[in-house]
Structures are given as C-alpha cells and as structure tokens.
C-alpha cells in the first residue's frame, strides 16, 4: 500500500467494502477503469468518488484459478489520468494474475510442508514402535 495522495488509509487499515467500488468489482469480477470521474457517464454521480474525492481510478480483480475472488488491485488519483489504455489495463491484469499465482503457490507450499511434517512425524512414530 502506497498513499502518496494522502488518501488516509494506513497499512492494515480497512474501508467499508460497501462504500467502495471494490464491492461492485467483487460482484462482477470485471475491471473498473475511470479516466475522469466528472466526465464518466457511469460514475460521475456515484457516491464512492464523491466520498473519497478521486477523479481517476483503476481496479483489477484478483481471481484465483478456481474462480474465487481474492480482492482487487487498485490505484486512485484526485486528478484525472489516462488509464483506459491497452498498456495500463494489460499491466494491471498481469499484476493481478501474478498476485493470484503467488498466493496460490504460497498456499500449495504451506500444504506441502504440512504434509511433509506429518509424514516425518508418522515415520518417527513407526520407528519408535520397533
């Protein structure tokens, strides 16, 4: 988490998901890209940009391989910014996929380590019975 625009969210802090666009992304599993809230037909009257004071926003869902929604990778700015480009959207998609892949690899590693410890303990118990 980087807060260079003094949004006010601290590491470990939380926002009420119902007051964010992430709630909509969680429902749709679709990215939201807004270059300029004031000029965007869908979001110009939306309560979230008004509440948090941003003009540009991009959020890419992080979807695990089984289809589970993990969260969203977001960037906001109080100023308008050109975000709706293939390069920017592609970069956010790639980062979201990398995050999902890393999370799943970490989970697989934890399961494998737990199984190995269990197998070692069972092997030690079998050897103690002899």
N, C-alpha and C. Protein backbone atom coordinates (compact mmCIF):
# COMPACT_ATOMS: atom_id res chain seq x y z
N UNK A 1 0.83 -1.16 0.00
CA UNK A 1 0.00 0.00 0.00
C UNK A 1 0.88 1.23 0.00
N UNK A 2 0.65 2.10 -0.97
CA UNK A 2 1.35 3.39 -1.02
C UNK A 2 0.29 4.47 -1.06
N UNK A 3 0.43 5.47 -0.21
CA UNK A 3 -0.54 6.55 -0.14
C UNK A 3 0.16 7.87 -0.38
N UNK A 4 0.52 8.13 -1.62
CA UNK A 4 1.20 9.36 -1.98
C UNK A 4 0.24 10.54 -2.14
N UNK A 5 -1.06 10.27 -2.13
CA UNK A 5 -2.04 11.36 -2.29
C UNK A 5 -2.75 11.67 -0.98
N UNK A 6 -2.24 11.07 0.11
CA UNK A 6 -2.80 11.29 1.44
C UNK A 6 -4.28 10.95 1.50
N UNK A 7 -4.59 9.80 0.97
CA UNK A 7 -5.95 9.26 0.97
C UNK A 7 -6.42 9.01 2.40
N UNK A 8 -5.47 8.63 3.25
CA UNK A 8 -5.80 8.42 4.65
C UNK A 8 -5.85 6.98 5.10
N UNK A 9 -5.62 6.05 4.21
CA UNK A 9 -5.63 4.63 4.59
C UNK A 9 -4.22 4.25 5.01
N UNK A 10 -4.10 3.68 6.20
CA UNK A 10 -2.80 3.27 6.71
C UNK A 10 -2.61 1.77 6.50
N UNK A 11 -1.35 1.29 6.47
CA UNK A 11 -1.14 -0.15 6.33
C UNK A 11 -1.94 -0.91 7.39
N UNK A 12 -2.66 -1.91 6.95
CA UNK A 12 -3.51 -2.68 7.84
C UNK A 12 -4.88 -2.08 8.05
N UNK A 13 -5.07 -0.85 7.56
CA UNK A 13 -6.36 -0.20 7.70
C UNK A 13 -7.38 -0.78 6.74
N UNK A 14 -8.63 -0.48 6.97
CA UNK A 14 -9.70 -1.02 6.14
C UNK A 14 -10.72 0.06 5.82
N UNK A 15 -11.35 -0.10 4.69
CA UNK A 15 -12.51 0.71 4.32
C UNK A 15 -13.72 -0.21 4.32
N UNK A 16 -14.88 0.34 4.58
CA UNK A 16 -16.09 -0.47 4.47
C UNK A 16 -16.29 -0.80 3.00
N UNK A 17 -16.29 -2.08 2.67
CA UNK A 17 -16.32 -2.50 1.27
C UNK A 17 -17.57 -1.99 0.55
N UNK A 18 -18.67 -1.83 1.26
CA UNK A 18 -19.90 -1.34 0.63
C UNK A 18 -19.74 0.11 0.17
N UNK A 19 -18.78 0.84 0.73
CA UNK A 19 -18.55 2.23 0.36
C UNK A 19 -17.47 2.38 -0.71
N UNK A 20 -17.09 1.29 -1.33
CA UNK A 20 -16.03 1.33 -2.34
C UNK A 20 -16.51 0.73 -3.66
N UNK A 21 -15.74 0.96 -4.69
CA UNK A 21 -16.04 0.33 -5.98
C UNK A 21 -15.64 -1.14 -5.97
N UNK A 22 -14.80 -1.54 -5.01
CA UNK A 22 -14.40 -2.94 -4.91
C UNK A 22 -15.61 -3.84 -4.68
N UNK A 23 -16.61 -3.34 -4.02
CA UNK A 23 -17.83 -4.11 -3.79
C UNK A 23 -18.46 -4.50 -5.14
N UNK A 24 -18.50 -3.55 -6.06
CA UNK A 24 -19.06 -3.82 -7.39
C UNK A 24 -18.16 -4.77 -8.17
N UNK A 25 -16.86 -4.62 -8.02
CA UNK A 25 -15.91 -5.48 -8.71
C UNK A 25 -16.02 -6.91 -8.18
N UNK A 26 -16.23 -7.04 -6.88
CA UNK A 26 -16.39 -8.37 -6.29
C UNK A 26 -17.63 -9.05 -6.87
N UNK A 27 -18.67 -8.29 -7.13
CA UNK A 27 -19.90 -8.86 -7.68
C UNK A 27 -19.73 -9.25 -9.15
N UNK A 28 -19.06 -8.39 -9.92
CA UNK A 28 -18.99 -8.59 -11.38
C UNK A 28 -17.75 -9.33 -11.85
N UNK A 29 -16.68 -9.31 -11.06
CA UNK A 29 -15.36 -9.86 -11.46
C UNK A 29 -14.81 -9.13 -12.69
N UNK A 30 -15.25 -7.90 -12.90
CA UNK A 30 -14.80 -7.10 -14.04
C UNK A 30 -14.01 -5.89 -13.55
N UNK A 31 -13.03 -5.50 -14.33
CA UNK A 31 -12.24 -4.32 -14.00
C UNK A 31 -13.10 -3.06 -14.12
N UNK A 32 -12.71 -2.05 -13.36
CA UNK A 32 -13.30 -0.73 -13.49
C UNK A 32 -12.16 0.23 -13.81
N UNK A 33 -12.34 1.00 -14.87
CA UNK A 33 -11.33 1.95 -15.30
C UNK A 33 -12.02 3.28 -15.56
N UNK A 34 -11.57 4.31 -14.84
CA UNK A 34 -12.17 5.64 -14.97
C UNK A 34 -11.04 6.65 -15.17
N UNK A 35 -11.05 7.30 -16.33
CA UNK A 35 -10.05 8.33 -16.60
C UNK A 35 -10.37 9.64 -15.87
N UNK A 36 -11.65 9.99 -15.86
CA UNK A 36 -12.07 11.28 -15.29
C UNK A 36 -13.50 11.13 -14.79
N UNK A 37 -13.65 10.99 -13.47
CA UNK A 37 -14.96 10.74 -12.87
C UNK A 37 -15.98 11.77 -13.33
N UNK A 38 -15.61 13.04 -13.32
CA UNK A 38 -16.56 14.11 -13.65
C UNK A 38 -17.11 13.98 -15.06
N UNK A 39 -16.40 13.31 -15.95
CA UNK A 39 -16.82 13.16 -17.34
C UNK A 39 -17.30 11.75 -17.66
N UNK A 40 -17.34 10.87 -16.67
CA UNK A 40 -17.71 9.47 -16.90
C UNK A 40 -19.21 9.30 -16.66
N UNK A 41 -19.91 8.85 -17.68
CA UNK A 41 -21.37 8.71 -17.60
C UNK A 41 -21.81 7.75 -16.50
N UNK A 42 -21.04 6.71 -16.26
CA UNK A 42 -21.42 5.71 -15.26
C UNK A 42 -21.11 6.16 -13.84
N UNK A 43 -19.99 6.83 -13.65
CA UNK A 43 -19.51 7.09 -12.29
C UNK A 43 -19.55 8.55 -11.84
N UNK A 44 -19.99 9.47 -12.70
CA UNK A 44 -19.97 10.89 -12.31
C UNK A 44 -20.88 11.18 -11.11
N UNK A 45 -21.94 10.43 -10.93
CA UNK A 45 -22.82 10.64 -9.80
C UNK A 45 -22.70 9.58 -8.72
N UNK A 46 -21.70 8.73 -8.83
CA UNK A 46 -21.52 7.62 -7.90
C UNK A 46 -21.05 8.14 -6.54
N UNK A 47 -21.55 7.55 -5.46
CA UNK A 47 -21.21 8.01 -4.11
C UNK A 47 -19.75 7.79 -3.73
N UNK A 48 -19.09 6.78 -4.26
CA UNK A 48 -17.73 6.48 -3.85
C UNK A 48 -16.72 7.55 -4.27
N UNK A 49 -16.66 7.96 -5.54
CA UNK A 49 -15.72 9.03 -5.89
C UNK A 49 -16.02 10.33 -5.13
N UNK A 50 -17.31 10.60 -4.93
CA UNK A 50 -17.67 11.82 -4.19
C UNK A 50 -17.17 11.74 -2.75
N UNK A 51 -17.33 10.59 -2.13
CA UNK A 51 -16.92 10.42 -0.73
C UNK A 51 -15.41 10.51 -0.56
N UNK A 52 -14.66 9.88 -1.46
CA UNK A 52 -13.21 9.80 -1.30
C UNK A 52 -12.44 10.84 -2.14
N UNK A 53 -13.13 11.57 -2.98
CA UNK A 53 -12.52 12.67 -3.70
C UNK A 53 -11.53 12.31 -4.79
N UNK A 54 -11.76 11.21 -5.49
CA UNK A 54 -10.84 10.88 -6.58
C UNK A 54 -11.49 11.16 -7.93
N UNK A 55 -10.63 11.40 -8.93
CA UNK A 55 -11.09 11.65 -10.30
C UNK A 55 -10.69 10.55 -11.26
N UNK A 56 -9.61 9.84 -10.96
CA UNK A 56 -9.24 8.71 -11.81
C UNK A 56 -9.06 7.48 -10.92
N UNK A 57 -9.38 6.33 -11.52
CA UNK A 57 -9.43 5.10 -10.73
C UNK A 57 -9.29 3.91 -11.67
N UNK A 58 -8.51 2.94 -11.22
CA UNK A 58 -8.47 1.65 -11.92
C UNK A 58 -8.44 0.57 -10.86
N UNK A 59 -9.20 -0.47 -11.10
CA UNK A 59 -9.23 -1.60 -10.19
C UNK A 59 -9.38 -2.87 -11.02
N UNK A 60 -8.47 -3.79 -10.76
CA UNK A 60 -8.46 -5.07 -11.48
C UNK A 60 -8.73 -6.18 -10.47
N UNK A 61 -9.72 -7.02 -10.72
CA UNK A 61 -9.99 -8.11 -9.78
C UNK A 61 -8.84 -9.12 -9.76
N UNK A 62 -8.57 -9.63 -8.57
CA UNK A 62 -7.60 -10.71 -8.39
C UNK A 62 -8.42 -11.97 -8.21
N UNK A 63 -8.40 -12.81 -9.24
CA UNK A 63 -9.22 -14.02 -9.27
C UNK A 63 -8.29 -15.24 -9.22
N UNK A 64 -8.52 -16.12 -8.28
CA UNK A 64 -7.73 -17.34 -8.17
C UNK A 64 -8.14 -18.33 -9.25
N UNK A 65 -7.32 -19.34 -9.48
CA UNK A 65 -7.57 -20.27 -10.59
C UNK A 65 -8.88 -21.04 -10.46
N UNK A 66 -9.40 -21.16 -9.24
CA UNK A 66 -10.69 -21.85 -9.07
C UNK A 66 -11.88 -20.90 -9.20
N UNK A 67 -11.61 -19.65 -9.58
CA UNK A 67 -12.67 -18.67 -9.77
C UNK A 67 -12.99 -17.84 -8.55
N UNK A 68 -12.32 -18.10 -7.44
CA UNK A 68 -12.56 -17.36 -6.20
C UNK A 68 -12.03 -15.94 -6.33
N UNK A 69 -12.85 -14.98 -5.91
CA UNK A 69 -12.43 -13.58 -5.87
C UNK A 69 -11.60 -13.37 -4.61
N UNK A 70 -10.34 -12.96 -4.79
CA UNK A 70 -9.47 -12.70 -3.64
C UNK A 70 -9.55 -11.25 -3.19
N UNK A 71 -9.55 -10.35 -4.14
CA UNK A 71 -9.53 -8.92 -3.84
C UNK A 71 -9.34 -8.15 -5.13
N UNK A 72 -8.90 -6.92 -5.00
CA UNK A 72 -8.70 -6.08 -6.17
C UNK A 72 -7.42 -5.28 -6.04
N UNK A 73 -6.75 -5.12 -7.16
CA UNK A 73 -5.57 -4.27 -7.25
C UNK A 73 -6.04 -2.92 -7.75
N UNK A 74 -5.87 -1.88 -6.93
CA UNK A 74 -6.46 -0.57 -7.24
C UNK A 74 -5.42 0.53 -7.26
N UNK A 75 -5.73 1.57 -8.01
CA UNK A 75 -4.96 2.81 -7.98
C UNK A 75 -5.95 3.96 -8.15
N UNK A 76 -5.76 5.00 -7.35
CA UNK A 76 -6.64 6.17 -7.41
C UNK A 76 -5.81 7.43 -7.46
N UNK A 77 -6.42 8.49 -7.97
CA UNK A 77 -5.74 9.79 -8.02
C UNK A 77 -6.80 10.87 -7.93
N UNK A 78 -6.54 11.93 -7.18
CA UNK A 78 -7.51 13.02 -7.11
C UNK A 78 -7.59 13.82 -8.41
N UNK A 79 -6.65 13.57 -9.31
CA UNK A 79 -6.65 14.24 -10.61
C UNK A 79 -7.03 13.25 -11.70
N UNK A 80 -7.59 13.75 -12.80
CA UNK A 80 -7.86 12.86 -13.94
C UNK A 80 -6.54 12.31 -14.48
N UNK A 81 -6.58 11.08 -14.98
CA UNK A 81 -5.39 10.46 -15.57
C UNK A 81 -5.85 9.51 -16.67
N UNK A 82 -5.05 9.40 -17.71
CA UNK A 82 -5.38 8.48 -18.81
C UNK A 82 -5.01 7.07 -18.40
N UNK A 83 -6.01 6.29 -18.05
CA UNK A 83 -5.82 4.91 -17.60
C UNK A 83 -6.40 3.89 -18.58
N UNK A 84 -7.38 4.30 -19.35
CA UNK A 84 -8.08 3.36 -20.24
C UNK A 84 -7.28 3.16 -21.53
N UNK A 85 -6.12 2.54 -21.35
CA UNK A 85 -5.26 2.22 -22.49
C UNK A 85 -4.92 0.73 -22.43
N UNK A 86 -4.65 0.12 -23.56
CA UNK A 86 -4.28 -1.30 -23.53
C UNK A 86 -3.04 -1.56 -22.66
N UNK A 87 -2.09 -0.63 -22.65
CA UNK A 87 -0.88 -0.81 -21.87
C UNK A 87 -1.17 -0.82 -20.37
N UNK A 88 -1.94 0.16 -19.91
CA UNK A 88 -2.23 0.25 -18.48
C UNK A 88 -3.11 -0.90 -18.03
N UNK A 89 -4.15 -1.19 -18.79
CA UNK A 89 -5.05 -2.29 -18.44
C UNK A 89 -4.28 -3.61 -18.47
N UNK A 90 -3.45 -3.80 -19.48
CA UNK A 90 -2.64 -5.02 -19.57
C UNK A 90 -1.69 -5.18 -18.40
N UNK A 91 -1.08 -4.08 -17.96
CA UNK A 91 -0.17 -4.12 -16.82
C UNK A 91 -0.92 -4.52 -15.55
N UNK A 92 -2.09 -3.92 -15.33
CA UNK A 92 -2.87 -4.26 -14.15
C UNK A 92 -3.35 -5.70 -14.19
N UNK A 93 -3.75 -6.18 -15.37
CA UNK A 93 -4.16 -7.59 -15.49
C UNK A 93 -3.00 -8.51 -15.14
N UNK A 94 -1.83 -8.20 -15.68
CA UNK A 94 -0.65 -9.02 -15.42
C UNK A 94 -0.30 -9.02 -13.94
N UNK A 95 -0.31 -7.86 -13.30
CA UNK A 95 0.00 -7.80 -11.87
C UNK A 95 -1.04 -8.58 -11.06
N UNK A 96 -2.32 -8.47 -11.41
CA UNK A 96 -3.37 -9.21 -10.70
C UNK A 96 -3.16 -10.71 -10.86
N UNK A 97 -2.80 -11.16 -12.06
CA UNK A 97 -2.52 -12.57 -12.30
C UNK A 97 -1.29 -13.03 -11.53
N UNK A 98 -0.26 -12.18 -11.48
CA UNK A 98 0.94 -12.53 -10.72
C UNK A 98 0.64 -12.65 -9.23
N UNK A 99 -0.17 -11.75 -8.71
CA UNK A 99 -0.56 -11.82 -7.30
C UNK A 99 -1.32 -13.12 -7.03
N UNK A 100 -2.28 -13.44 -7.89
CA UNK A 100 -3.05 -14.68 -7.72
C UNK A 100 -2.13 -15.90 -7.78
N UNK A 101 -1.23 -15.92 -8.72
CA UNK A 101 -0.30 -17.05 -8.86
C UNK A 101 0.58 -17.17 -7.62
N UNK A 102 1.07 -16.06 -7.12
CA UNK A 102 1.91 -16.08 -5.93
C UNK A 102 1.13 -16.57 -4.71
N UNK A 103 -0.10 -16.10 -4.53
CA UNK A 103 -0.92 -16.54 -3.41
C UNK A 103 -1.17 -18.04 -3.45
N UNK A 104 -1.48 -18.54 -4.65
CA UNK A 104 -1.73 -19.97 -4.79
C UNK A 104 -0.47 -20.79 -4.57
N UNK A 105 0.67 -20.30 -5.04
CA UNK A 105 1.93 -21.01 -4.82
C UNK A 105 2.27 -21.05 -3.33
N UNK A 106 2.03 -19.96 -2.63
CA UNK A 106 2.29 -19.93 -1.19
C UNK A 106 1.37 -20.91 -0.46
N UNK A 107 0.11 -20.99 -0.88
CA UNK A 107 -0.82 -21.95 -0.27
C UNK A 107 -0.36 -23.39 -0.54
N UNK A 108 0.04 -23.68 -1.78
CA UNK A 108 0.50 -25.03 -2.11
C UNK A 108 1.75 -25.40 -1.31
N UNK A 109 2.64 -24.45 -1.14
CA UNK A 109 3.85 -24.70 -0.37
C UNK A 109 3.51 -25.00 1.09
N UNK A 110 2.60 -24.24 1.66
CA UNK A 110 2.20 -24.47 3.06
C UNK A 110 1.58 -25.85 3.22
N UNK A 111 0.74 -26.27 2.29
CA UNK A 111 0.11 -27.59 2.35
C UNK A 111 1.17 -28.68 2.22
N UNK A 112 2.10 -28.51 1.29
CA UNK A 112 3.15 -29.49 1.08
C UNK A 112 4.04 -29.61 2.32
N UNK A 113 4.38 -28.48 2.91
CA UNK A 113 5.21 -28.51 4.12
C UNK A 113 4.47 -29.20 5.26
N UNK A 114 3.18 -28.92 5.41
CA UNK A 114 2.40 -29.57 6.48
C UNK A 114 2.34 -31.07 6.25
N UNK A 115 2.17 -31.49 5.01
CA UNK A 115 2.13 -32.93 4.71
C UNK A 115 3.48 -33.59 4.99
N UNK A 116 4.54 -32.89 4.65
CA UNK A 116 5.88 -33.43 4.89
C UNK A 116 6.14 -33.58 6.39
N UNK A 117 5.77 -32.58 7.16
CA UNK A 117 5.95 -32.66 8.61
C UNK A 117 5.14 -33.81 9.18
N UNK A 118 3.90 -33.94 8.70
CA UNK A 118 3.04 -35.03 9.16
C UNK A 118 3.64 -36.38 8.80
N UNK A 119 4.14 -36.52 7.58
CA UNK A 119 4.74 -37.78 7.15
C UNK A 119 5.99 -38.09 7.97
N UNK A 120 6.80 -37.07 8.25
CA UNK A 120 8.00 -37.27 9.06
C UNK A 120 7.64 -37.71 10.47
N UNK A 121 6.59 -37.08 11.03
CA UNK A 121 6.17 -37.44 12.39
C UNK A 121 5.62 -38.87 12.42
N UNK A 122 4.85 -39.24 11.41
CA UNK A 122 4.33 -40.61 11.36
C UNK A 122 5.47 -41.61 11.18
N UNK A 123 6.48 -41.23 10.39
CA UNK A 123 7.63 -42.12 10.21
C UNK A 123 8.41 -42.27 11.48
N UNK A 124 8.53 -41.20 12.25
CA UNK A 124 9.24 -41.28 13.53
C UNK A 124 8.46 -42.14 14.52
N UNK A 125 7.12 -42.02 14.47
CA UNK A 125 6.29 -42.84 15.37
C UNK A 125 6.41 -44.31 15.02
N UNK A 126 6.45 -44.63 13.72
CA UNK A 126 6.57 -46.02 13.29
C UNK A 126 7.93 -46.57 13.74
N UNK A 127 8.99 -45.78 13.59
CA UNK A 127 10.32 -46.23 14.01
C UNK A 127 10.40 -46.41 15.51
N UNK A 128 9.66 -45.63 16.29
CA UNK A 128 9.69 -45.74 17.75
C UNK A 128 8.99 -47.00 18.21
N UNK A 129 8.06 -47.54 17.40
CA UNK A 129 7.33 -48.74 17.77
C UNK A 129 8.16 -50.00 17.61
N UNK A 130 9.27 -49.93 16.95
CA UNK A 130 10.08 -51.14 16.68
C UNK A 130 10.87 -51.54 17.86
